[in-house]
Amino acid sequence: MGFIDKVKNKIDETVGRAKEGTGRATDDRHLEYEGKGDQAKANLKQAGEHVKDTGRKLGDAFK
């Protein structure tokens, strides 16, 4: 499940970058900020995945 979540997060980040770029190109501040928000949300989810991975590695080290 972790790998699929990471891929989904990366897709969300990429969509956010596209929205931000489109908003900047069309001078649509709302779309630009929506894209930045999408990127931030995807980055937070990705950080959570890293924490879970680290927890799993530490758990395996103590077995």
C-alpha atoms as a PDB file:
ATOM      1  CA  MET A   1       0.000   0.000   0.000  1.00  0.00           C
ATOM      2  CA  GLY A   2       2.891   2.396   0.672  1.00  0.00           C
ATOM      3  CA  PHE A   3       4.190   2.442  -2.892  1.00  0.00           C
ATOM      4  CA  ILE A   4       0.769   3.204  -4.356  1.00  0.00           C
ATOM      5  CA  ASP A   5       0.280   6.033  -1.845  1.00  0.00           C
ATOM      6  CA  LYS A   6       3.648   7.496  -2.805  1.00  0.00           C
ATOM      7  CA  VAL A   7       2.720   7.418  -6.494  1.00  0.00           C
ATOM      8  CA  LYS A   8      -0.644   9.068  -5.788  1.00  0.00           C
ATOM      9  CA  ASN A   9       1.088  11.776  -3.759  1.00  0.00           C
ATOM     10  CA  LYS A  10       3.542  12.430  -6.573  1.00  0.00           C
ATOM     11  CA  ILE A  11       0.667  12.697  -9.052  1.00  0.00           C
ATOM     12  CA  ASP A  12      -1.129  15.148  -6.746  1.00  0.00           C
ATOM     13  CA  GLU A  13       2.053  17.207  -6.482  1.00  0.00           C
ATOM     14  CA  THR A  14       2.455  17.262 -10.260  1.00  0.00           C
ATOM     15  CA  VAL A  15      -1.178  18.308 -10.768  1.00  0.00           C
ATOM     16  CA  GLY A  16      -0.611  21.090  -8.229  1.00  0.00           C
ATOM     17  CA  ARG A  17       2.431  22.314 -10.141  1.00  0.00           C
ATOM     18  CA  ALA A  18       0.417  22.316 -13.361  1.00  0.00           C
ATOM     19  CA  LYS A  19      -2.385  24.308 -11.711  1.00  0.00           C
ATOM     20  CA  GLU A  20       0.107  26.770 -10.277  1.00  0.00           C
ATOM     21  CA  GLY A  21       1.794  27.241 -13.654  1.00  0.00           C
ATOM     22  CA  THR A  22      -1.505  27.612 -15.480  1.00  0.00           C
ATOM     23  CA  GLY A  23      -2.719  30.109 -12.909  1.00  0.00           C
ATOM     24  CA  ARG A  24       0.468  32.108 -13.220  1.00  0.00           C
ATOM     25  CA  ALA A  25       0.304  32.056 -17.037  1.00  0.00           C
ATOM     26  CA  THR A  26      -3.337  33.143 -17.144  1.00  0.00           C
ATOM     27  CA  ASP A  27      -3.000  35.592 -14.231  1.00  0.00           C
ATOM     28  CA  ASP A  28      -5.562  33.566 -12.249  1.00  0.00           C
ATOM     29  CA  ARG A  29      -4.439  33.986  -8.638  1.00  0.00           C
ATOM     30  CA  HIS A  30      -7.075  31.583  -7.330  1.00  0.00           C
ATOM     31  CA  LEU A  31      -5.852  28.739  -9.540  1.00  0.00           C
ATOM     32  CA  GLU A  32      -2.229  29.540  -8.732  1.00  0.00           C
ATOM     33  CA  TYR A  33      -2.843  29.386  -4.979  1.00  0.00           C
ATOM     34  CA  GLU A  34      -4.978  26.279  -5.335  1.00  0.00           C
ATOM     35  CA  GLY A  35      -2.034  24.607  -7.059  1.00  0.00           C
ATOM     36  CA  LYS A  36       0.322  25.669  -4.287  1.00  0.00           C
ATOM     37  CA  GLY A  37      -2.113  24.246  -1.736  1.00  0.00           C
ATOM     38  CA  ASP A  38      -2.332  20.959  -3.622  1.00  0.00           C
ATOM     39  CA  GLN A  39       1.457  20.727  -3.640  1.00  0.00           C
ATOM     40  CA  ALA A  40       1.669  21.427   0.081  1.00  0.00           C
ATOM     41  CA  LYS A  41      -0.949  18.783   0.823  1.00  0.00           C
ATOM     42  CA  ALA A  42       0.868  16.208  -1.314  1.00  0.00           C
ATOM     43  CA  ASN A  43       4.182  17.036   0.377  1.00  0.00           C
ATOM     44  CA  LEU A  44       2.642  16.554   3.827  1.00  0.00           C
ATOM     45  CA  LYS A  45       1.226  13.197   2.785  1.00  0.00           C
ATOM     46  CA  GLN A  46       4.639  12.222   1.400  1.00  0.00           C
ATOM     47  CA  ALA A  47       6.276  13.189   4.698  1.00  0.00           C
ATOM     48  CA  GLY A  48       3.804  10.913   6.481  1.00  0.00           C
ATOM     49  CA  GLU A  49       4.814   8.063   4.182  1.00  0.00           C
ATOM     50  CA  HIS A  50       8.477   8.663   5.051  1.00  0.00           C
ATOM     51  CA  VAL A  51       7.647   8.538   8.761  1.00  0.00           C
ATOM     52  CA  LYS A  52       5.795   5.249   8.292  1.00  0.00           C
ATOM     53  CA  ASP A  53       8.734   3.818   6.332  1.00  0.00           C
ATOM     54  CA  THR A  54      11.189   4.863   9.023  1.00  0.00           C
ATOM     55  CA  GLY A  55       8.972   3.328  11.705  1.00  0.00           C
ATOM     56  CA  ARG A  56       8.867   0.058   9.806  1.00  0.00           C
ATOM     57  CA  LYS A  57      12.649   0.020   9.394  1.00  0.00           C
ATOM     58  CA  LEU A  58      13.181   0.705  13.082  1.00  0.00           C
ATOM     59  CA  GLY A  59      10.669  -1.978  14.005  1.00  0.00           C
ATOM     60  CA  ASP A  60      12.460  -4.503  11.812  1.00  0.00           C
ATOM     61  CA  ALA A  61      15.822  -3.563  13.357  1.00  0.00           C
ATOM     62  CA  PHE A  62      14.621  -4.522  16.833  1.00  0.00           C
ATOM     63  CA  LYS A  63      13.194  -7.903  15.894  1.00  0.00           C
END
